[in-house]
Amino acid sequence: MVEDSKSDKDGKKVKKESDLKKFLKKRSFIYLMATVVFIVFFVPGMIEPSDLEKKLTENFESNEQKIAWDIIKLYKGADDNGSNLFDTIITQIENAYSNEKILKHNDTFLEISVQDIQEQKGVGFYEVNFTFQTYDDVRKYIWNVNIETEEIIPINDGARKMIDIVEYYD
């Protein structure tokens, strides 16, 4: 067996430094610099918002409006399986512009607005407008949402098509 300590002239034992500690001491500056470089250059890119979040403009004045948008965004159809409505819309848009990264384009805007229409439709109803604008196209999706029953009523053809995709093609 190898002994980790040696005796000096007076009979006192002197501990020998382990090879691992020697190895780390010699290279500690390199490891420190590698850690700093990683934190400075890679971590900010990992925590910055996605292109979609940068482009998305939400205009909400009340918590009920946010709830109405969340009902639309997270809707997965009657069976509550598959992809949600928001992801379906984004996928359809990306498929329409398959040869370019449309969400990274400077002229691309996504806007969500929610209006209270309780006076016209009854208690709990809100109109949710999702507008997607590119350099050559504007697409609008409009739904009426009852936040009490979570009922979604598509108003225009684009909104109806997206609901149908979520309902039948998952």
N, C-alpha and C. Protein backbone atom coordinates (compact mmCIF):
# COMPACT_ATOMS: atom_id res chain seq x y z
N MET A 1 0.82 -1.19 0.00
CA MET A 1 0.00 0.00 0.00
C MET A 1 0.87 1.26 0.00
N VAL A 2 0.36 2.29 -0.66
CA VAL A 2 1.10 3.55 -0.73
C VAL A 2 0.67 4.43 0.42
N GLU A 3 1.64 5.02 1.05
CA GLU A 3 1.35 5.88 2.19
C GLU A 3 1.30 7.32 1.72
N ASP A 4 0.28 8.09 2.17
CA ASP A 4 0.10 9.46 1.74
C ASP A 4 0.95 10.44 2.54
N SER A 5 1.65 9.99 3.53
CA SER A 5 2.41 10.94 4.34
C SER A 5 3.84 10.43 4.53
N LYS A 6 4.75 11.35 4.75
CA LYS A 6 6.15 11.03 4.99
C LYS A 6 6.56 11.60 6.34
N SER A 7 7.54 11.01 6.93
CA SER A 7 8.06 11.54 8.19
C SER A 7 9.22 12.48 7.89
N ASP A 8 9.26 13.58 8.61
CA ASP A 8 10.41 14.46 8.45
C ASP A 8 11.47 14.11 9.48
N LYS A 9 12.47 14.94 9.65
CA LYS A 9 13.60 14.65 10.54
C LYS A 9 13.19 14.49 11.99
N ASP A 10 12.17 15.19 12.45
CA ASP A 10 11.77 15.16 13.85
C ASP A 10 10.76 14.06 14.13
N GLY A 11 10.39 13.28 13.15
CA GLY A 11 9.42 12.21 13.36
C GLY A 11 7.99 12.66 13.17
N LYS A 12 7.80 13.91 12.80
CA LYS A 12 6.44 14.39 12.54
C LYS A 12 6.05 14.00 11.13
N LYS A 13 4.79 13.71 10.99
CA LYS A 13 4.29 13.30 9.67
C LYS A 13 3.88 14.53 8.86
N VAL A 14 4.32 14.60 7.62
CA VAL A 14 3.96 15.67 6.70
C VAL A 14 3.05 15.06 5.64
N LYS A 15 1.88 15.65 5.47
CA LYS A 15 0.93 15.09 4.51
C LYS A 15 1.35 15.46 3.10
N LYS A 16 1.28 14.48 2.23
CA LYS A 16 1.59 14.68 0.83
C LYS A 16 0.34 15.20 0.13
N GLU A 17 0.49 16.20 -0.72
CA GLU A 17 -0.65 16.77 -1.44
C GLU A 17 -1.09 15.78 -2.51
N SER A 18 -2.39 15.58 -2.63
CA SER A 18 -2.89 14.61 -3.60
C SER A 18 -2.65 15.09 -5.03
N ASP A 19 -2.59 14.15 -5.94
CA ASP A 19 -2.35 14.47 -7.34
C ASP A 19 -3.50 15.29 -7.92
N LEU A 20 -4.72 15.03 -7.48
CA LEU A 20 -5.88 15.77 -7.98
C LEU A 20 -5.78 17.25 -7.60
N LYS A 21 -5.40 17.52 -6.36
CA LYS A 21 -5.27 18.91 -5.93
C LYS A 21 -4.18 19.62 -6.71
N LYS A 22 -3.07 18.95 -6.96
CA LYS A 22 -2.00 19.54 -7.74
C LYS A 22 -2.48 19.86 -9.15
N PHE A 23 -3.19 18.91 -9.72
CA PHE A 23 -3.71 19.07 -11.08
C PHE A 23 -4.64 20.28 -11.16
N LEU A 24 -5.57 20.39 -10.19
CA LEU A 24 -6.52 21.49 -10.19
C LEU A 24 -5.86 22.83 -9.92
N LYS A 25 -4.86 22.87 -9.04
CA LYS A 25 -4.18 24.12 -8.74
C LYS A 25 -3.45 24.66 -9.96
N LYS A 26 -2.83 23.77 -10.71
CA LYS A 26 -2.09 24.20 -11.90
C LYS A 26 -3.03 24.77 -12.96
N ARG A 27 -4.23 24.25 -13.04
CA ARG A 27 -5.14 24.61 -14.12
C ARG A 27 -6.35 25.43 -13.66
N SER A 28 -6.36 25.89 -12.45
CA SER A 28 -7.53 26.60 -11.93
C SER A 28 -7.84 27.86 -12.73
N PHE A 29 -6.82 28.58 -13.17
CA PHE A 29 -7.05 29.79 -13.95
C PHE A 29 -7.75 29.46 -15.27
N ILE A 30 -7.35 28.40 -15.89
CA ILE A 30 -7.97 27.98 -17.16
C ILE A 30 -9.44 27.64 -16.94
N TYR A 31 -9.74 26.90 -15.88
CA TYR A 31 -11.13 26.53 -15.59
C TYR A 31 -11.96 27.76 -15.25
N LEU A 32 -11.39 28.68 -14.53
CA LEU A 32 -12.09 29.91 -14.19
C LEU A 32 -12.41 30.71 -15.45
N MET A 33 -11.44 30.84 -16.33
CA MET A 33 -11.65 31.58 -17.58
C MET A 33 -12.69 30.90 -18.46
N ALA A 34 -12.66 29.58 -18.54
CA ALA A 34 -13.65 28.84 -19.34
C ALA A 34 -15.05 29.07 -18.79
N THR A 35 -15.19 29.09 -17.48
CA THR A 35 -16.49 29.33 -16.86
C THR A 35 -16.98 30.74 -17.15
N VAL A 36 -16.10 31.72 -17.06
CA VAL A 36 -16.48 33.11 -17.34
C VAL A 36 -16.91 33.27 -18.80
N VAL A 37 -16.16 32.68 -19.71
CA VAL A 37 -16.51 32.76 -21.14
C VAL A 37 -17.88 32.13 -21.37
N PHE A 38 -18.14 30.98 -20.78
CA PHE A 38 -19.43 30.32 -20.94
C PHE A 38 -20.56 31.20 -20.43
N ILE A 39 -20.38 31.78 -19.25
CA ILE A 39 -21.43 32.62 -18.66
C ILE A 39 -21.66 33.88 -19.48
N VAL A 40 -20.59 34.51 -19.95
CA VAL A 40 -20.72 35.76 -20.68
C VAL A 40 -21.32 35.56 -22.07
N PHE A 41 -20.91 34.51 -22.77
CA PHE A 41 -21.32 34.37 -24.16
C PHE A 41 -22.50 33.43 -24.40
N PHE A 42 -22.67 32.40 -23.60
CA PHE A 42 -23.69 31.40 -23.90
C PHE A 42 -24.96 31.53 -23.06
N VAL A 43 -24.83 31.87 -21.80
CA VAL A 43 -26.00 31.94 -20.92
C VAL A 43 -27.00 33.01 -21.37
N PRO A 44 -26.59 34.22 -21.75
CA PRO A 44 -27.59 35.21 -22.19
C PRO A 44 -28.42 34.73 -23.37
N GLY A 45 -27.82 34.03 -24.30
CA GLY A 45 -28.57 33.49 -25.43
C GLY A 45 -29.56 32.43 -25.02
N MET A 46 -29.27 31.73 -23.95
CA MET A 46 -30.17 30.68 -23.49
C MET A 46 -31.37 31.24 -22.74
N ILE A 47 -31.23 32.42 -22.15
CA ILE A 47 -32.34 32.96 -21.36
C ILE A 47 -33.07 34.11 -22.03
N GLU A 48 -32.62 34.55 -23.21
CA GLU A 48 -33.33 35.64 -23.88
C GLU A 48 -34.64 35.14 -24.46
N PRO A 49 -35.61 36.02 -24.64
CA PRO A 49 -36.91 35.59 -25.16
C PRO A 49 -36.79 35.08 -26.60
N SER A 50 -37.69 34.19 -26.96
CA SER A 50 -37.68 33.64 -28.31
C SER A 50 -38.11 34.71 -29.31
N ASP A 51 -37.92 34.41 -30.60
CA ASP A 51 -38.33 35.35 -31.65
C ASP A 51 -39.82 35.62 -31.57
N LEU A 52 -40.58 34.60 -31.26
CA LEU A 52 -42.02 34.75 -31.18
C LEU A 52 -42.41 35.70 -30.05
N GLU A 53 -41.78 35.55 -28.89
CA GLU A 53 -42.09 36.42 -27.76
C GLU A 53 -41.69 37.87 -28.03
N LYS A 54 -40.63 38.07 -28.82
CA LYS A 54 -40.21 39.42 -29.16
C LYS A 54 -41.23 40.09 -30.07
N LYS A 55 -41.84 39.32 -30.95
CA LYS A 55 -42.76 39.87 -31.95
C LYS A 55 -44.18 40.06 -31.41
N LEU A 56 -44.52 39.35 -30.36
CA LEU A 56 -45.89 39.31 -29.85
C LEU A 56 -46.22 40.57 -29.05
N THR A 57 -47.29 41.24 -29.46
CA THR A 57 -47.76 42.43 -28.75
C THR A 57 -49.12 42.11 -28.16
N GLU A 58 -49.22 42.15 -26.84
CA GLU A 58 -50.47 41.85 -26.16
C GLU A 58 -51.03 43.15 -25.57
N ASN A 59 -52.28 43.42 -25.89
CA ASN A 59 -52.94 44.63 -25.38
C ASN A 59 -54.08 44.22 -24.45
N PHE A 60 -53.77 44.05 -23.17
CA PHE A 60 -54.78 43.65 -22.20
C PHE A 60 -54.95 44.74 -21.15
N GLU A 61 -56.20 45.06 -20.87
CA GLU A 61 -56.49 46.07 -19.86
C GLU A 61 -56.98 45.45 -18.56
N SER A 62 -57.42 44.19 -18.62
CA SER A 62 -57.95 43.56 -17.41
C SER A 62 -57.53 42.09 -17.36
N ASN A 63 -57.70 41.51 -16.20
CA ASN A 63 -57.38 40.10 -16.01
C ASN A 63 -58.32 39.22 -16.83
N GLU A 64 -59.57 39.64 -17.00
CA GLU A 64 -60.53 38.87 -17.79
C GLU A 64 -60.09 38.78 -19.25
N GLN A 65 -59.50 39.85 -19.75
CA GLN A 65 -59.00 39.82 -21.13
C GLN A 65 -57.85 38.83 -21.26
N LYS A 66 -56.98 38.80 -20.28
CA LYS A 66 -55.87 37.83 -20.28
C LYS A 66 -56.42 36.41 -20.22
N ILE A 67 -57.45 36.19 -19.43
CA ILE A 67 -58.07 34.86 -19.33
C ILE A 67 -58.66 34.46 -20.68
N ALA A 68 -59.32 35.39 -21.36
CA ALA A 68 -59.90 35.10 -22.67
C ALA A 68 -58.81 34.69 -23.66
N TRP A 69 -57.69 35.40 -23.66
CA TRP A 69 -56.58 35.04 -24.56
C TRP A 69 -56.00 33.68 -24.19
N ASP A 70 -55.85 33.41 -22.89
CA ASP A 70 -55.32 32.11 -22.46
C ASP A 70 -56.22 30.96 -22.88
N ILE A 71 -57.53 31.17 -22.85
CA ILE A 71 -58.47 30.13 -23.29
C ILE A 71 -58.24 29.83 -24.76
N ILE A 72 -58.08 30.86 -25.58
CA ILE A 72 -57.81 30.67 -27.01
C ILE A 72 -56.45 30.01 -27.20
N LYS A 73 -55.44 30.55 -26.57
CA LYS A 73 -54.07 30.09 -26.77
C LYS A 73 -53.90 28.62 -26.39
N LEU A 74 -54.52 28.21 -25.32
CA LEU A 74 -54.30 26.86 -24.79
C LEU A 74 -55.35 25.85 -25.24
N TYR A 75 -56.29 26.24 -26.07
CA TYR A 75 -57.37 25.35 -26.51
C TYR A 75 -56.79 24.18 -27.31
N LYS A 76 -57.17 22.96 -26.91
CA LYS A 76 -56.68 21.74 -27.56
C LYS A 76 -57.79 20.92 -28.18
N GLY A 77 -58.94 21.49 -28.36
CA GLY A 77 -60.04 20.76 -28.96
C GLY A 77 -60.92 20.12 -27.91
N ALA A 78 -61.99 19.48 -28.38
CA ALA A 78 -62.95 18.86 -27.47
C ALA A 78 -62.34 17.72 -26.67
N ASP A 79 -61.38 17.00 -27.28
CA ASP A 79 -60.76 15.87 -26.59
C ASP A 79 -59.59 16.28 -25.70
N ASP A 80 -59.21 17.55 -25.75
CA ASP A 80 -58.12 18.10 -24.93
C ASP A 80 -56.80 17.36 -25.16
N ASN A 81 -56.58 16.91 -26.39
CA ASN A 81 -55.33 16.23 -26.77
C ASN A 81 -54.72 16.93 -27.96
N GLY A 82 -53.43 16.73 -28.17
CA GLY A 82 -52.76 17.28 -29.33
C GLY A 82 -52.20 18.66 -29.07
N SER A 83 -51.91 19.36 -30.16
CA SER A 83 -51.32 20.69 -30.03
C SER A 83 -52.40 21.72 -29.75
N ASN A 84 -51.97 22.82 -29.16
CA ASN A 84 -52.94 23.86 -28.82
C ASN A 84 -53.15 24.80 -30.00
N LEU A 85 -54.14 25.65 -29.90
CA LEU A 85 -54.54 26.53 -30.99
C LEU A 85 -53.44 27.51 -31.38
N PHE A 86 -52.76 28.09 -30.42
CA PHE A 86 -51.70 29.05 -30.71
C PHE A 86 -50.56 28.38 -31.48
N ASP A 87 -50.12 27.21 -31.03
CA ASP A 87 -49.05 26.49 -31.73
C ASP A 87 -49.48 26.10 -33.14
N THR A 88 -50.74 25.76 -33.31
CA THR A 88 -51.26 25.41 -34.64
C THR A 88 -51.21 26.61 -35.57
N ILE A 89 -51.59 27.77 -35.08
CA ILE A 89 -51.54 28.98 -35.91
C ILE A 89 -50.10 29.28 -36.32
N ILE A 90 -49.19 29.22 -35.37
CA ILE A 90 -47.78 29.50 -35.67
C ILE A 90 -47.23 28.48 -36.66
N THR A 91 -47.57 27.21 -36.49
CA THR A 91 -47.12 26.17 -37.43
C THR A 91 -47.65 26.43 -38.83
N GLN A 92 -48.92 26.79 -38.94
CA GLN A 92 -49.51 27.08 -40.25
C GLN A 92 -48.82 28.28 -40.90
N ILE A 93 -48.50 29.28 -40.12
CA ILE A 93 -47.82 30.46 -40.66
C ILE A 93 -46.41 30.09 -41.12
N GLU A 94 -45.69 29.33 -40.30
CA GLU A 94 -44.34 28.91 -40.68
C GLU A 94 -44.38 28.03 -41.92
N ASN A 95 -45.39 27.19 -42.07
CA ASN A 95 -45.53 26.35 -43.27
C ASN A 95 -45.81 27.20 -44.51
N ALA A 96 -46.56 28.27 -44.34
CA ALA A 96 -46.86 29.16 -45.47
C ALA A 96 -45.60 29.89 -45.94
N TYR A 97 -44.67 30.12 -45.05
CA TYR A 97 -43.41 30.78 -45.37
C TYR A 97 -42.25 29.82 -45.12
N SER A 98 -42.33 28.64 -45.70
CA SER A 98 -41.36 27.58 -45.40
C SER A 98 -39.95 27.89 -45.88
N ASN A 99 -39.80 28.74 -46.88
CA ASN A 99 -38.46 29.02 -47.39
C ASN A 99 -37.76 30.18 -46.69
N GLU A 100 -38.38 30.75 -45.67
CA GLU A 100 -37.76 31.85 -44.91
C GLU A 100 -38.18 31.78 -43.45
N LYS A 101 -37.38 32.38 -42.61
CA LYS A 101 -37.69 32.43 -41.18
C LYS A 101 -38.52 33.67 -40.93
N ILE A 102 -39.82 33.53 -41.12
CA ILE A 102 -40.72 34.68 -41.11
C ILE A 102 -40.80 35.35 -39.74
N LEU A 103 -40.66 34.59 -38.67
CA LEU A 103 -40.76 35.19 -37.33
C LEU A 103 -39.53 36.03 -37.00
N LYS A 104 -38.42 35.82 -37.71
CA LYS A 104 -37.22 36.62 -37.48
C LYS A 104 -37.18 37.85 -38.37
N HIS A 105 -38.10 37.94 -39.32
CA HIS A 105 -38.11 39.06 -40.26
C HIS A 105 -38.50 40.35 -39.53
N ASN A 106 -37.86 41.44 -39.89
CA ASN A 106 -38.10 42.73 -39.20
C ASN A 106 -39.50 43.28 -39.43
N ASP A 107 -40.12 42.94 -40.55
CA ASP A 107 -41.45 43.47 -40.86
C ASP A 107 -42.59 42.59 -40.36
N THR A 108 -42.30 41.59 -39.55
CA THR A 108 -43.32 40.69 -39.04
C THR A 108 -43.82 41.18 -37.68
N PHE A 109 -45.15 41.26 -37.56
CA PHE A 109 -45.77 41.67 -36.30
C PHE A 109 -46.86 40.68 -35.92
N LEU A 110 -46.95 40.38 -34.65
CA LEU A 110 -48.05 39.59 -34.10
C LEU A 110 -48.71 40.44 -33.04
N GLU A 111 -50.02 40.60 -33.15
CA GLU A 111 -50.73 41.43 -32.17
C GLU A 111 -51.97 40.70 -31.68
N ILE A 112 -52.16 40.76 -30.39
CA ILE A 112 -53.34 40.17 -29.77
C ILE A 112 -54.08 41.29 -29.06
N SER A 113 -55.36 41.40 -29.35
CA SER A 113 -56.18 42.36 -28.62
C SER A 113 -57.48 41.67 -28.21
N VAL A 114 -57.98 42.07 -27.08
CA VAL A 114 -59.21 41.47 -26.53
C VAL A 114 -60.15 42.60 -26.15
N GLN A 115 -61.39 42.54 -26.66
CA GLN A 115 -62.39 43.55 -26.34
C GLN A 115 -63.55 42.92 -25.57
N ASP A 116 -64.04 43.68 -24.63
CA ASP A 116 -65.20 43.26 -23.84
C ASP A 116 -66.46 43.46 -24.69
N ILE A 117 -67.18 42.37 -24.97
CA ILE A 117 -68.43 42.47 -25.76
C ILE A 117 -69.61 41.94 -24.96
N GLN A 118 -69.55 42.10 -23.65
CA GLN A 118 -70.60 41.58 -22.78
C GLN A 118 -71.93 42.28 -23.02
N GLU A 119 -71.89 43.54 -23.41
CA GLU A 119 -73.15 44.26 -23.66
C GLU A 119 -73.89 43.70 -24.87
N GLN A 120 -73.16 43.27 -25.90
CA GLN A 120 -73.80 42.74 -27.11
C GLN A 120 -74.13 41.25 -26.99
N LYS A 121 -73.23 40.45 -26.41
CA LYS A 121 -73.38 38.99 -26.43
C LYS A 121 -73.82 38.39 -25.10
N GLY A 122 -73.64 39.08 -24.02
CA GLY A 122 -74.00 38.55 -22.72
C GLY A 122 -72.80 38.48 -21.79
N VAL A 123 -73.07 38.05 -20.57
CA VAL A 123 -72.05 38.04 -19.52
C VAL A 123 -70.92 37.07 -19.88
N GLY A 124 -69.70 37.54 -19.71
CA GLY A 124 -68.53 36.68 -19.88
C GLY A 124 -67.96 36.63 -21.29
N PHE A 125 -68.55 37.33 -22.25
CA PHE A 125 -68.07 37.25 -23.63
C PHE A 125 -67.03 38.32 -23.94
N TYR A 126 -65.98 37.88 -24.62
CA TYR A 126 -64.91 38.76 -25.07
C TYR A 126 -64.57 38.39 -26.51
N GLU A 127 -64.17 39.39 -27.28
CA GLU A 127 -63.73 39.15 -28.66
C GLU A 127 -62.21 39.18 -28.68
N VAL A 128 -61.61 38.08 -29.14
CA VAL A 128 -60.16 37.96 -29.20
C VAL A 128 -59.73 38.09 -30.65
N ASN A 129 -58.86 39.05 -30.92
CA ASN A 129 -58.31 39.28 -32.26
C ASN A 129 -56.83 38.93 -32.26
N PHE A 130 -56.45 38.05 -33.16
CA PHE A 130 -55.04 37.71 -33.35
C PHE A 130 -54.67 38.16 -34.76
N THR A 131 -53.75 39.10 -34.86
CA THR A 131 -53.35 39.64 -36.16
C THR A 131 -51.89 39.30 -36.42
N PHE A 132 -51.66 38.71 -37.59
CA PHE A 132 -50.32 38.37 -38.04
C PHE A 132 -50.04 39.17 -39.30
N GLN A 133 -49.03 40.02 -39.24
CA GLN A 133 -48.72 40.88 -40.37
C GLN A 133 -47.27 40.66 -40.80
N THR A 134 -47.08 40.40 -42.11
CA THR A 134 -45.74 40.27 -42.68
C THR A 134 -45.55 41.37 -43.71
N TYR A 135 -44.44 41.32 -44.39
CA TYR A 135 -44.15 42.32 -45.42
C TYR A 135 -45.11 42.23 -46.60
N ASP A 136 -45.80 41.09 -46.78
CA ASP A 136 -46.69 40.95 -47.94
C ASP A 136 -48.09 40.42 -47.62
N ASP A 137 -48.42 40.25 -46.35
CA ASP A 137 -49.70 39.63 -46.01
C ASP A 137 -50.15 40.07 -44.62
N VAL A 138 -51.46 40.12 -44.44
CA VAL A 138 -52.05 40.35 -43.12
C VAL A 138 -53.11 39.28 -42.91
N ARG A 139 -52.99 38.54 -41.82
CA ARG A 139 -53.98 37.52 -41.48
C ARG A 139 -54.60 37.87 -40.14
N LYS A 140 -55.92 37.82 -40.10
CA LYS A 140 -56.64 38.11 -38.85
C LYS A 140 -57.47 36.89 -38.48
N TYR A 141 -57.41 36.57 -37.21
CA TYR A 141 -58.20 35.49 -36.65
C TYR A 141 -59.03 36.10 -35.53
N ILE A 142 -60.34 35.90 -35.58
CA ILE A 142 -61.24 36.53 -34.60
C ILE A 142 -62.14 35.46 -33.99
N TRP A 143 -62.18 35.43 -32.67
CA TRP A 143 -63.04 34.51 -31.93
C TRP A 143 -63.82 35.29 -30.88
N ASN A 144 -65.00 34.78 -30.54
CA ASN A 144 -65.71 35.21 -29.35
C ASN A 144 -65.50 34.13 -28.30
N VAL A 145 -65.17 34.56 -27.09
CA VAL A 145 -64.86 33.62 -26.02
C VAL A 145 -65.72 33.96 -24.81
N ASN A 146 -66.36 32.94 -24.25
CA ASN A 146 -67.07 33.10 -22.99
C ASN A 146 -66.12 32.60 -21.91
N ILE A 147 -65.64 33.50 -21.07
CA ILE A 147 -64.65 33.10 -20.07
C ILE A 147 -65.25 32.29 -18.93
N GLU A 148 -66.57 32.31 -18.79
CA GLU A 148 -67.21 31.54 -17.72
C GLU A 148 -67.38 30.08 -18.13
N THR A 149 -67.76 29.84 -19.39
CA THR A 149 -67.98 28.47 -19.86
C THR A 149 -66.82 27.96 -20.71
N GLU A 150 -65.86 28.82 -21.04
CA GLU A 150 -64.72 28.53 -21.92
C GLU A 150 -65.17 28.11 -23.32
N GLU A 151 -66.33 28.61 -23.73
CA GLU A 151 -66.84 28.35 -25.07
C GLU A 151 -66.13 29.27 -26.06
N ILE A 152 -65.71 28.70 -27.20
CA ILE A 152 -65.02 29.47 -28.24
C ILE A 152 -65.87 29.43 -29.50
N ILE A 153 -66.15 30.62 -30.06
CA ILE A 153 -66.94 30.73 -31.28
C ILE A 153 -66.08 31.44 -32.33
N PRO A 154 -65.66 30.73 -33.40
CA PRO A 154 -64.88 31.40 -34.44
C PRO A 154 -65.76 32.37 -35.22
N ILE A 155 -65.25 33.55 -35.49
CA ILE A 155 -66.02 34.60 -36.18
C ILE A 155 -65.68 34.66 -37.66
N ASN A 156 -64.40 34.56 -38.01
CA ASN A 156 -64.04 34.63 -39.42
C ASN A 156 -63.54 33.27 -39.92
N ASP A 157 -63.32 33.17 -41.24
CA ASP A 157 -62.94 31.90 -41.84
C ASP A 157 -61.58 31.40 -41.37
N GLY A 158 -60.63 32.31 -41.18
CA GLY A 158 -59.31 31.91 -40.70
C GLY A 158 -59.38 31.29 -39.31
N ALA A 159 -60.16 31.89 -38.44
CA ALA A 159 -60.32 31.36 -37.08
C ALA A 159 -61.02 30.00 -37.12
N ARG A 160 -62.03 29.88 -37.97
CA ARG A 160 -62.76 28.62 -38.11
C ARG A 160 -61.83 27.51 -38.62
N LYS A 161 -60.98 27.84 -39.58
CA LYS A 161 -60.04 26.86 -40.13
C LYS A 161 -59.07 26.38 -39.04
N MET A 162 -58.56 27.30 -38.23
CA MET A 162 -57.63 26.92 -37.16
C MET A 162 -58.31 26.04 -36.11
N ILE A 163 -59.55 26.36 -35.77
CA ILE A 163 -60.30 25.52 -34.82
C ILE A 163 -60.49 24.13 -35.41
N ASP A 164 -60.83 24.05 -36.70
CA ASP A 164 -61.01 22.75 -37.36
C ASP A 164 -59.73 21.93 -37.35
N ILE A 165 -58.61 22.57 -37.59
CA ILE A 165 -57.33 21.85 -37.57
C ILE A 165 -57.07 21.28 -36.18
N VAL A 166 -57.30 22.08 -35.15
CA VAL A 166 -57.09 21.60 -33.78
C VAL A 166 -58.06 20.47 -33.45
N GLU A 167 -59.31 20.61 -33.87
CA GLU A 167 -60.33 19.61 -33.56
C GLU A 167 -60.11 18.28 -34.27
N TYR A 168 -59.79 18.34 -35.57
CA TYR A 168 -59.86 17.13 -36.40
C TYR A 168 -58.53 16.58 -36.88
N TYR A 169 -57.46 17.35 -36.83
CA TYR A 169 -56.21 16.88 -37.44
C TYR A 169 -55.10 16.61 -36.46
N ASP A 170 -55.38 16.52 -35.18
CA ASP A 170 -54.33 16.22 -34.19
C ASP A 170 -54.03 14.75 -34.17
